[in-house]
Amino acid sequence: MLIAGISNIRYHKTRINATSCQQQRNDNLVQGLQQVRNLTDALATYPQVDSALMSKIGAAGGAQVSMVLTGYDAATGALQFDAQSGSVIDIPSYVLKLQKTGLFRKVDYTGYTYEDGVYVLSLNCILLGEEAAE
């Protein structure tokens, strides 16, 4: 009788341990799923660097200024591009127009050159999140 009681206790202890392990696995899966949802939500706020965004940026320069994308860092939202024109680009005015687009958190120009009849203004801009896409 005592042996049967001990076996019964061991059996229930094993079942409790198995249930506890299963619960821990379930908790880990729920936590992992929540992390994936959080990451998905965070990524949804990232700006979409697409032709629509580039058109909005290009519109800030008007017909006389073209834009050439030179770099993009998705992790920071840093967008580097060159504004090119056959005539002198009014730097403060152009930077102000870019700021007024509402697409950028920060707009900095990093250099200005003139070569082969083309003025090139190099810019480094930090994009805003999803509110910029609207």
Protein backbone atom coordinates (compact mmCIF):
# COMPACT_ATOMS: atom_id res chain seq x y z
CA MET A 1 0.00 0.00 0.00
CA LEU A 2 2.81 2.42 0.90
CA ILE A 3 4.60 1.62 -2.36
CA ALA A 4 1.42 2.26 -4.32
CA GLY A 5 1.01 5.61 -2.52
CA ILE A 6 4.60 6.62 -3.31
CA SER A 7 4.14 5.63 -6.95
CA ASN A 8 0.94 7.65 -7.09
CA ILE A 9 2.72 10.70 -5.63
CA ARG A 10 5.57 10.32 -8.13
CA TYR A 11 3.08 10.01 -10.97
CA HIS A 12 1.26 13.19 -9.94
CA LYS A 13 4.54 15.04 -9.35
CA THR A 14 5.67 14.06 -12.86
CA ARG A 15 2.35 15.26 -14.30
CA ILE A 16 2.63 18.54 -12.37
CA ASN A 17 6.19 19.03 -13.66
CA ALA A 18 5.10 18.27 -17.22
CA THR A 19 2.18 20.68 -16.91
CA SER A 20 4.49 23.33 -15.47
CA CYS A 21 6.95 22.85 -18.35
CA GLN A 22 4.11 23.05 -20.87
CA GLN A 23 2.81 26.22 -19.21
CA GLN A 24 6.31 27.74 -19.37
CA ARG A 25 6.53 26.89 -23.09
CA ASN A 26 3.11 28.42 -23.67
CA ASP A 27 4.11 31.57 -21.75
CA ASN A 28 7.30 31.81 -23.82
CA LEU A 29 5.30 31.46 -27.05
CA VAL A 30 2.83 34.14 -25.97
CA GLN A 31 5.72 36.45 -25.03
CA GLY A 32 7.47 35.78 -28.36
CA LEU A 33 4.26 36.43 -30.28
CA GLN A 34 3.80 39.74 -28.45
CA GLN A 35 7.36 40.74 -29.33
CA VAL A 36 6.65 40.00 -33.01
CA ARG A 37 3.46 42.11 -32.83
CA ASN A 38 5.34 44.96 -31.18
CA LEU A 39 8.05 44.83 -33.85
CA THR A 40 5.45 44.71 -36.62
CA ASP A 41 3.69 47.74 -35.13
CA ALA A 42 7.00 49.61 -34.85
CA LEU A 43 7.93 48.81 -38.45
CA ALA A 44 4.54 50.08 -39.63
CA THR A 45 5.54 53.55 -38.41
CA TYR A 46 8.66 53.61 -40.58
CA PRO A 47 8.41 55.89 -43.60
CA GLN A 48 8.05 54.19 -46.95
CA VAL A 49 10.86 55.29 -49.24
CA ASP A 50 9.06 54.93 -52.53
CA SER A 51 8.31 56.89 -55.67
CA ALA A 52 5.52 58.86 -53.93
CA LEU A 53 7.95 60.06 -51.25
CA MET A 54 10.58 60.91 -53.85
CA SER A 55 8.01 62.88 -55.85
CA LYS A 56 7.12 64.94 -52.78
CA ILE A 57 10.79 65.68 -52.15
CA GLY A 58 11.34 66.51 -55.81
CA ALA A 59 8.37 68.89 -55.81
CA ALA A 60 10.09 71.03 -53.16
CA GLY A 61 12.75 71.98 -55.68
CA GLY A 62 10.39 72.78 -58.51
CA ALA A 63 11.04 72.12 -62.17
CA GLN A 64 14.56 73.62 -62.12
CA VAL A 65 15.92 71.24 -59.43
CA SER A 66 16.29 67.50 -59.89
CA MET A 67 17.03 65.03 -57.12
CA VAL A 68 19.36 62.04 -57.04
CA LEU A 69 19.13 59.62 -54.11
CA THR A 70 22.62 58.82 -52.81
CA GLY A 71 21.83 56.82 -49.67
CA TYR A 72 19.21 55.63 -47.21
CA ASP A 73 19.57 54.11 -43.75
CA ALA A 74 16.29 52.46 -42.75
CA ALA A 75 17.42 52.03 -39.15
CA THR A 76 17.80 55.78 -38.60
CA GLY A 77 15.55 57.18 -41.32
CA ALA A 78 18.54 59.07 -42.76
CA LEU A 79 18.05 59.92 -46.42
CA GLN A 80 20.95 61.35 -48.42
CA PHE A 81 20.41 62.96 -51.78
CA ASP A 82 21.83 65.53 -54.15
CA ALA A 83 19.73 68.39 -55.50
CA GLN A 84 21.00 69.35 -58.96
CA SER A 85 20.31 72.41 -61.05
CA GLY A 86 21.74 74.31 -63.99
CA SER A 87 21.19 77.55 -62.06
CA VAL A 88 22.28 78.55 -58.59
CA ILE A 89 20.21 76.91 -55.87
CA ASP A 90 19.10 79.24 -53.09
CA ILE A 91 20.22 76.98 -50.21
CA PRO A 92 18.25 78.54 -47.34
CA SER A 93 15.08 78.68 -49.44
CA TYR A 94 15.42 75.10 -50.64
CA VAL A 95 16.14 73.77 -47.12
CA LEU A 96 13.11 75.68 -45.83
CA LYS A 97 10.92 74.20 -48.58
CA LEU A 98 12.12 70.71 -47.65
CA GLN A 99 11.35 71.37 -43.98
CA LYS A 100 7.87 72.63 -44.87
CA THR A 101 7.05 69.37 -46.67
CA GLY A 102 6.51 67.81 -43.24
CA LEU A 103 8.49 64.76 -44.34
CA PHE A 104 11.59 65.38 -42.28
CA ARG A 105 12.54 65.68 -38.65
CA LYS A 106 15.84 67.30 -39.67
CA VAL A 107 17.26 68.76 -42.88
CA ASP A 108 20.98 69.48 -43.24
CA TYR A 109 22.95 70.33 -46.31
CA THR A 110 26.43 68.84 -46.27
CA GLY A 111 28.04 70.50 -49.25
CA TYR A 112 27.68 72.50 -52.41
CA THR A 113 29.61 72.06 -55.64
CA TYR A 114 29.61 73.36 -59.19
CA GLU A 115 30.88 71.12 -61.94
CA ASP A 116 30.26 70.92 -65.69
CA GLY A 117 27.59 73.61 -65.55
CA VAL A 118 25.62 71.87 -62.78
CA TYR A 119 25.19 73.04 -59.20
CA VAL A 120 24.92 70.17 -56.74
CA LEU A 121 23.63 70.60 -53.19
CA SER A 122 24.22 67.52 -51.00
CA LEU A 123 21.66 66.93 -48.28
CA ASN A 124 21.25 64.63 -45.32
CA CYS A 125 17.68 64.48 -44.01
CA ILE A 126 16.07 62.46 -41.23
CA LEU A 127 12.60 61.23 -42.17
CA LEU A 128 9.63 61.33 -39.85
CA GLY A 129 7.58 58.22 -39.12
CA GLU A 130 4.18 57.25 -40.51
CA GLU A 131 2.72 60.74 -40.14
CA ALA A 132 4.98 61.80 -43.01
CA ALA A 133 3.38 59.31 -45.35
CA GLU A 134 -0.05 60.95 -45.14
